Every structure is written in structure tokens, then in C-alpha cells.
């Protein structure tokens, strides 16, 4: 890690709390397939992007997470909007692939984010088991694969898998947040 001292000492509790709150809102929105829920999901993504932006100087991993999430949101929502505008043409299929690429890039952003959080445990002295927060990434990856496989048989069961995985991720991030709060005295 190539952090400067100012970045490594910068408090992250407030930013991480807002990020966690957005994860919780995303969990609540998960069962809904309305356009309003989708718009709220976009707002959640933008707020999380801003929180990553404010934490980007804490570590190299946070900086990579911010840049990758920015790219993901541009690809995902830009591709989705352009796909809607090009419905009925061959271009819409290509733009849908751009949207899919944005979702894949979001997985990479999650990787950078959770691994960056894990890298902060020892230097900052958080009372949190090393490696546990990385499970947020692994669970989202494994849960996505399981939900896709199960979704072929039952969309309801796939939704249940997604909700359970998202709830566990929110819980793990909450535990990490409490360790940050205890150390930073927030």
C-alpha cells in the first residue's frame, strides 16, 4: 500500500455510515421492480459513488474502487438510457451489452472496495477480524451466480437468495462500521 500519512489517518466513519445506509436502502428496494425503485437505485448508486469519492485518498484501493464505480455507473446507466432510446434497432442490443459490461465492472468496484476496507484493519487498528469484510465481495459474487442458476427455475427463489445475501452483506458491513466507530470515537 502506498498511502500518505494524511490519507491513512483520515476518518472514514461518516462516509462509511452513509455508504452502509445506501446498502440498506438497496436491500429494501430489492424486491420491487417499479421504475421508481429503479430511479431510487440510481440515486443510491450516485450517493455511494460520492462517498467513495470522499474516501478515495484513504488508500490506493479506495481510489481504484471510486474510479471503477464511476466507470460502472457511466456504462450501466448510460447504456440503459441509450438502449431505451434505441429500442427496436440493432443498436439497442449492442447498448444492452454495454449495460451488462457496466454491471460486470461494478463487481470489480466491489472487489476493490471490500479489499481496501480489509487493508485498513491493521494500520488503523480496527477491532475486526482480518479477511471477514472481504466476504461481502465473495458473497455477492457467489450469490449472483446462485441467483442466476436458481432464477431459471423460480424467480421468487432467486429473489429470496438475493435478499438473504444482501442482508448478510449489510450485516457484515454494519459490524465493520461499528469497529470503525469504536476506533475513531465517532
C-alpha atoms as a PDB file:
ATOM      1  CA  UNK A   1       0.000   0.000   0.000  1.00  0.00           C
ATOM      2  CA  UNK A   2       1.261   3.377  -0.968  1.00  0.00           C
ATOM      3  CA  UNK A   3      -0.800   5.733   1.192  1.00  0.00           C
ATOM      4  CA  UNK A   4       0.352   9.030   2.535  1.00  0.00           C
ATOM      5  CA  UNK A   5       0.014   9.682   6.249  1.00  0.00           C
ATOM      6  CA  UNK A   6      -2.759  12.243   5.819  1.00  0.00           C
ATOM      7  CA  UNK A   7      -4.898   9.762   3.883  1.00  0.00           C
ATOM      8  CA  UNK A   8      -4.350   6.818   6.215  1.00  0.00           C
ATOM      9  CA  UNK A   9      -5.281   8.929   9.264  1.00  0.00           C
ATOM     10  CA  UNK A  10      -8.371  10.448   7.664  1.00  0.00           C
ATOM     11  CA  UNK A  11     -11.570   9.376   9.490  1.00  0.00           C
ATOM     12  CA  UNK A  12     -13.990   7.344   7.389  1.00  0.00           C
ATOM     13  CA  UNK A  13     -16.818   6.599   9.814  1.00  0.00           C
ATOM     14  CA  UNK A  14     -19.319   9.160   8.493  1.00  0.00           C
ATOM     15  CA  UNK A  15     -18.667   8.292   4.847  1.00  0.00           C
ATOM     16  CA  UNK A  16     -18.834   4.587   5.555  1.00  0.00           C
ATOM     17  CA  UNK A  17     -22.050   5.039   7.547  1.00  0.00           C
ATOM     18  CA  UNK A  18     -23.731   6.791   4.602  1.00  0.00           C
ATOM     19  CA  UNK A  19     -22.407   4.076   2.272  1.00  0.00           C
ATOM     20  CA  UNK A  20     -23.857   1.418   4.598  1.00  0.00           C
ATOM     21  CA  UNK A  21     -27.178   3.266   4.736  1.00  0.00           C
ATOM     22  CA  UNK A  22     -27.311   3.195   0.934  1.00  0.00           C
ATOM     23  CA  UNK A  23     -26.638  -0.559   1.042  1.00  0.00           C
ATOM     24  CA  UNK A  24     -29.561  -0.907   3.465  1.00  0.00           C
ATOM     25  CA  UNK A  25     -31.842   1.126   1.198  1.00  0.00           C
ATOM     26  CA  UNK A  26     -30.742  -1.040  -1.725  1.00  0.00           C
ATOM     27  CA  UNK A  27     -31.707  -4.118   0.303  1.00  0.00           C
ATOM     28  CA  UNK A  28     -35.149  -2.664   0.986  1.00  0.00           C
ATOM     29  CA  UNK A  29     -35.621  -1.799  -2.709  1.00  0.00           C
ATOM     30  CA  UNK A  30     -34.521  -5.246  -3.915  1.00  0.00           C
ATOM     31  CA  UNK A  31     -37.994  -6.868  -4.046  1.00  0.00           C
ATOM     32  CA  UNK A  32     -39.520  -4.001  -6.045  1.00  0.00           C
ATOM     33  CA  UNK A  33     -39.397  -3.883  -9.830  1.00  0.00           C
ATOM     34  CA  UNK A  34     -41.051  -0.494 -10.350  1.00  0.00           C
ATOM     35  CA  UNK A  35     -39.484   2.384 -12.254  1.00  0.00           C
ATOM     36  CA  UNK A  36     -39.457   4.439  -9.045  1.00  0.00           C
ATOM     37  CA  UNK A  37     -37.407   1.722  -7.308  1.00  0.00           C
ATOM     38  CA  UNK A  38     -35.012   1.761 -10.256  1.00  0.00           C
ATOM     39  CA  UNK A  39     -34.647   5.532 -10.046  1.00  0.00           C
ATOM     40  CA  UNK A  40     -34.063   5.279  -6.304  1.00  0.00           C
ATOM     41  CA  UNK A  41     -31.469   2.594  -7.043  1.00  0.00           C
ATOM     42  CA  UNK A  42     -29.714   5.067  -9.324  1.00  0.00           C
ATOM     43  CA  UNK A  43     -29.748   7.687  -6.553  1.00  0.00           C
ATOM     44  CA  UNK A  44     -28.337   5.092  -4.133  1.00  0.00           C
ATOM     45  CA  UNK A  45     -25.515   4.387  -6.607  1.00  0.00           C
ATOM     46  CA  UNK A  46     -24.724   8.083  -7.016  1.00  0.00           C
ATOM     47  CA  UNK A  47     -24.616   8.641  -3.237  1.00  0.00           C
ATOM     48  CA  UNK A  48     -22.329   5.624  -2.828  1.00  0.00           C
ATOM     49  CA  UNK A  49     -20.138   6.987  -5.609  1.00  0.00           C
ATOM     50  CA  UNK A  50     -19.884  10.315  -3.771  1.00  0.00           C
ATOM     51  CA  UNK A  51     -18.949   8.575  -0.518  1.00  0.00           C
ATOM     52  CA  UNK A  52     -16.249   6.626  -2.342  1.00  0.00           C
ATOM     53  CA  UNK A  53     -15.071   9.897  -3.865  1.00  0.00           C
ATOM     54  CA  UNK A  54     -14.609  11.387  -0.402  1.00  0.00           C
ATOM     55  CA  UNK A  55     -12.729   8.270   0.783  1.00  0.00           C
ATOM     56  CA  UNK A  56     -10.600   7.891  -2.371  1.00  0.00           C
ATOM     57  CA  UNK A  57      -7.449   9.310  -0.759  1.00  0.00           C
ATOM     58  CA  UNK A  58      -7.574   6.973   2.242  1.00  0.00           C
ATOM     59  CA  UNK A  59      -5.855   4.193   0.297  1.00  0.00           C
ATOM     60  CA  UNK A  60      -4.942   3.140  -3.219  1.00  0.00           C
ATOM     61  CA  UNK A  61      -7.699   0.518  -3.106  1.00  0.00           C
ATOM     62  CA  UNK A  62     -10.330   3.143  -2.274  1.00  0.00           C
ATOM     63  CA  UNK A  63      -9.096   5.258  -5.164  1.00  0.00           C
ATOM     64  CA  UNK A  64      -9.405   2.287  -7.520  1.00  0.00           C
ATOM     65  CA  UNK A  65     -12.864   1.486  -6.117  1.00  0.00           C
ATOM     66  CA  UNK A  66     -14.020   5.048  -6.806  1.00  0.00           C
ATOM     67  CA  UNK A  67     -12.681   5.142 -10.378  1.00  0.00           C
ATOM     68  CA  UNK A  68     -14.093   1.708 -11.161  1.00  0.00           C
ATOM     69  CA  UNK A  69     -17.514   2.505  -9.685  1.00  0.00           C
ATOM     70  CA  UNK A  70     -17.632   5.744 -11.697  1.00  0.00           C
ATOM     71  CA  UNK A  71     -16.944   3.782 -14.874  1.00  0.00           C
ATOM     72  CA  UNK A  72     -19.559   1.212 -13.881  1.00  0.00           C
ATOM     73  CA  UNK A  73     -22.290   3.801 -13.321  1.00  0.00           C
ATOM     74  CA  UNK A  74     -21.483   5.519 -16.608  1.00  0.00           C
ATOM     75  CA  UNK A  75     -21.614   2.234 -18.526  1.00  0.00           C
ATOM     76  CA  UNK A  76     -24.662   0.846 -16.727  1.00  0.00           C
ATOM     77  CA  UNK A  77     -26.973   3.827 -16.670  1.00  0.00           C
ATOM     78  CA  UNK A  78     -25.653   5.445 -19.841  1.00  0.00           C
ATOM     79  CA  UNK A  79     -26.058   2.169 -21.697  1.00  0.00           C
ATOM     80  CA  UNK A  80     -29.520   1.628 -20.243  1.00  0.00           C
ATOM     81  CA  UNK A  81     -30.755   5.099 -21.206  1.00  0.00           C
ATOM     82  CA  UNK A  82     -29.329   4.802 -24.712  1.00  0.00           C
ATOM     83  CA  UNK A  83     -30.836   1.300 -25.028  1.00  0.00           C
ATOM     84  CA  UNK A  84     -34.267   2.691 -24.192  1.00  0.00           C
ATOM     85  CA  UNK A  85     -33.811   5.407 -26.810  1.00  0.00           C
ATOM     86  CA  UNK A  86     -32.752   2.868 -29.452  1.00  0.00           C
ATOM     87  CA  UNK A  87     -35.469   0.254 -28.826  1.00  0.00           C
ATOM     88  CA  UNK A  88     -36.334  -1.577 -31.995  1.00  0.00           C
ATOM     89  CA  UNK A  89     -32.962  -1.202 -33.656  1.00  0.00           C
ATOM     90  CA  UNK A  90     -29.925  -3.457 -33.786  1.00  0.00           C
ATOM     91  CA  UNK A  91     -28.028  -0.793 -31.853  1.00  0.00           C
ATOM     92  CA  UNK A  92     -30.195  -1.483 -28.792  1.00  0.00           C
ATOM     93  CA  UNK A  93     -28.688  -4.973 -28.499  1.00  0.00           C
ATOM     94  CA  UNK A  94     -25.159  -3.549 -28.567  1.00  0.00           C
ATOM     95  CA  UNK A  95     -26.099  -0.930 -25.984  1.00  0.00           C
ATOM     96  CA  UNK A  96     -27.606  -3.614 -23.784  1.00  0.00           C
ATOM     97  CA  UNK A  97     -24.210  -5.341 -23.864  1.00  0.00           C
ATOM     98  CA  UNK A  98     -22.641  -2.050 -22.719  1.00  0.00           C
ATOM     99  CA  UNK A  99     -25.065  -2.051 -19.785  1.00  0.00           C
ATOM    100  CA  UNK A 100     -24.080  -5.631 -18.971  1.00  0.00           C
ATOM    101  CA  UNK A 101     -20.412  -4.620 -19.096  1.00  0.00           C
ATOM    102  CA  UNK A 102     -21.197  -1.877 -16.582  1.00  0.00           C
ATOM    103  CA  UNK A 103     -22.649  -4.448 -14.200  1.00  0.00           C
ATOM    104  CA  UNK A 104     -19.516  -6.574 -14.554  1.00  0.00           C
ATOM    105  CA  UNK A 105     -17.344  -3.534 -13.838  1.00  0.00           C
ATOM    106  CA  UNK A 106     -19.467  -2.969 -10.695  1.00  0.00           C
ATOM    107  CA  UNK A 107     -18.296  -6.382  -9.459  1.00  0.00           C
ATOM    108  CA  UNK A 108     -14.697  -5.206  -9.879  1.00  0.00           C
ATOM    109  CA  UNK A 109     -15.531  -1.994  -7.973  1.00  0.00           C
ATOM    110  CA  UNK A 110     -16.948  -4.087  -5.120  1.00  0.00           C
ATOM    111  CA  UNK A 111     -13.748  -6.131  -5.113  1.00  0.00           C
ATOM    112  CA  UNK A 112     -11.586  -3.011  -4.770  1.00  0.00           C
ATOM    113  CA  UNK A 113     -13.865  -1.512  -2.103  1.00  0.00           C
ATOM    114  CA  UNK A 114     -14.114  -4.504   0.235  1.00  0.00           C
ATOM    115  CA  UNK A 115     -10.469  -5.457  -0.148  1.00  0.00           C
ATOM    116  CA  UNK A 116      -9.495  -1.808   0.561  1.00  0.00           C
ATOM    117  CA  UNK A 117     -11.598  -1.895   3.731  1.00  0.00           C
ATOM    118  CA  UNK A 118      -9.811  -5.080   4.742  1.00  0.00           C
ATOM    119  CA  UNK A 119      -6.416  -3.457   4.151  1.00  0.00           C
ATOM    120  CA  UNK A 120      -7.342  -0.670   6.595  1.00  0.00           C
ATOM    121  CA  UNK A 121      -7.920  -3.028   9.537  1.00  0.00           C
ATOM    122  CA  UNK A 122      -4.297  -3.460  10.658  1.00  0.00           C
ATOM    123  CA  UNK A 123      -2.880   0.041  10.015  1.00  0.00           C
ATOM    124  CA  UNK A 124      -5.859   1.706  11.707  1.00  0.00           C
ATOM    125  CA  UNK A 125      -6.186  -0.848  14.499  1.00  0.00           C
ATOM    126  CA  UNK A 126      -9.832  -1.723  13.959  1.00  0.00           C
ATOM    127  CA  UNK A 127     -11.130  -4.483  16.192  1.00  0.00           C
ATOM    128  CA  UNK A 128     -12.443  -6.540  13.297  1.00  0.00           C
ATOM    129  CA  UNK A 129     -11.216  -9.919  12.060  1.00  0.00           C
ATOM    130  CA  UNK A 130      -8.904  -9.582   9.090  1.00  0.00           C
ATOM    131  CA  UNK A 131     -10.430 -11.051   5.940  1.00  0.00           C
ATOM    132  CA  UNK A 132     -14.052 -11.065   7.150  1.00  0.00           C
ATOM    133  CA  UNK A 133     -15.134  -7.919   5.284  1.00  0.00           C
ATOM    134  CA  UNK A 134     -13.847  -9.487   2.057  1.00  0.00           C
ATOM    135  CA  UNK A 135     -16.704 -11.950   2.375  1.00  0.00           C
ATOM    136  CA  UNK A 136     -19.030  -9.142   1.291  1.00  0.00           C
ATOM    137  CA  UNK A 137     -17.433  -9.357  -2.148  1.00  0.00           C
ATOM    138  CA  UNK A 138     -17.332 -13.147  -2.262  1.00  0.00           C
ATOM    139  CA  UNK A 139     -20.935 -13.461  -1.075  1.00  0.00           C
ATOM    140  CA  UNK A 140     -22.208 -11.022  -3.689  1.00  0.00           C
ATOM    141  CA  UNK A 141     -20.329 -12.903  -6.399  1.00  0.00           C
ATOM    142  CA  UNK A 142     -21.460 -16.357  -5.235  1.00  0.00           C
ATOM    143  CA  UNK A 143     -24.994 -15.109  -4.564  1.00  0.00           C
ATOM    144  CA  UNK A 144     -25.239 -13.644  -8.049  1.00  0.00           C
ATOM    145  CA  UNK A 145     -24.231 -16.948  -9.602  1.00  0.00           C
ATOM    146  CA  UNK A 146     -26.627 -18.946  -7.410  1.00  0.00           C
ATOM    147  CA  UNK A 147     -29.494 -16.492  -8.055  1.00  0.00           C
ATOM    148  CA  UNK A 148     -28.905 -16.776 -11.806  1.00  0.00           C
ATOM    149  CA  UNK A 149     -28.960 -20.581 -11.697  1.00  0.00           C
ATOM    150  CA  UNK A 150     -31.974 -20.737  -9.367  1.00  0.00           C
ATOM    151  CA  UNK A 151     -33.714 -17.998 -11.366  1.00  0.00           C
ATOM    152  CA  UNK A 152     -34.063 -20.387 -14.297  1.00  0.00           C
ATOM    153  CA  UNK A 153     -36.407 -22.499 -12.165  1.00  0.00           C
ATOM    154  CA  UNK A 154     -38.036 -19.915  -9.890  1.00  0.00           C
ATOM    155  CA  UNK A 155     -37.756 -16.133  -9.956  1.00  0.00           C
ATOM    156  CA  UNK A 156     -39.172 -15.995  -6.417  1.00  0.00           C
ATOM    157  CA  UNK A 157     -36.462 -18.304  -5.093  1.00  0.00           C
ATOM    158  CA  UNK A 158     -33.815 -16.230  -6.898  1.00  0.00           C
ATOM    159  CA  UNK A 159     -35.173 -13.101  -5.192  1.00  0.00           C
ATOM    160  CA  UNK A 160     -35.017 -14.843  -1.799  1.00  0.00           C
ATOM    161  CA  UNK A 161     -31.367 -15.773  -2.446  1.00  0.00           C
ATOM    162  CA  UNK A 162     -30.575 -12.160  -3.419  1.00  0.00           C
ATOM    163  CA  UNK A 163     -32.288 -10.768  -0.322  1.00  0.00           C
ATOM    164  CA  UNK A 164     -30.535 -13.183   2.047  1.00  0.00           C
ATOM    165  CA  UNK A 165     -27.108 -12.464   0.515  1.00  0.00           C
ATOM    166  CA  UNK A 166     -27.721  -8.696   0.561  1.00  0.00           C
ATOM    167  CA  UNK A 167     -28.840  -8.886   4.220  1.00  0.00           C
ATOM    168  CA  UNK A 168     -25.673 -10.759   5.213  1.00  0.00           C
ATOM    169  CA  UNK A 169     -23.549  -8.177   3.380  1.00  0.00           C
ATOM    170  CA  UNK A 170     -25.359  -5.325   5.144  1.00  0.00           C
ATOM    171  CA  UNK A 171     -24.777  -7.106   8.475  1.00  0.00           C
ATOM    172  CA  UNK A 172     -21.047  -7.654   7.835  1.00  0.00           C
ATOM    173  CA  UNK A 173     -20.626  -4.034   6.771  1.00  0.00           C
ATOM    174  CA  UNK A 174     -22.533  -2.941   9.905  1.00  0.00           C
ATOM    175  CA  UNK A 175     -20.125  -4.922  12.102  1.00  0.00           C
ATOM    176  CA  UNK A 176     -17.156  -3.333  10.319  1.00  0.00           C
ATOM    177  CA  UNK A 177     -18.766   0.089  10.745  1.00  0.00           C
ATOM    178  CA  UNK A 178     -19.054  -0.491  14.495  1.00  0.00           C
ATOM    179  CA  UNK A 179     -15.338  -1.332  14.678  1.00  0.00           C
ATOM    180  CA  UNK A 180     -14.546   1.896  12.811  1.00  0.00           C
ATOM    181  CA  UNK A 181     -16.835   3.855  15.137  1.00  0.00           C
ATOM    182  CA  UNK A 182     -15.143   2.400  18.230  1.00  0.00           C
ATOM    183  CA  UNK A 183     -11.668   3.314  16.961  1.00  0.00           C
ATOM    184  CA  UNK A 184     -12.484   6.762  15.580  1.00  0.00           C
ATOM    185  CA  UNK A 185     -14.672   7.695  18.514  1.00  0.00           C
ATOM    186  CA  UNK A 186     -17.440   8.898  16.200  1.00  0.00           C
END
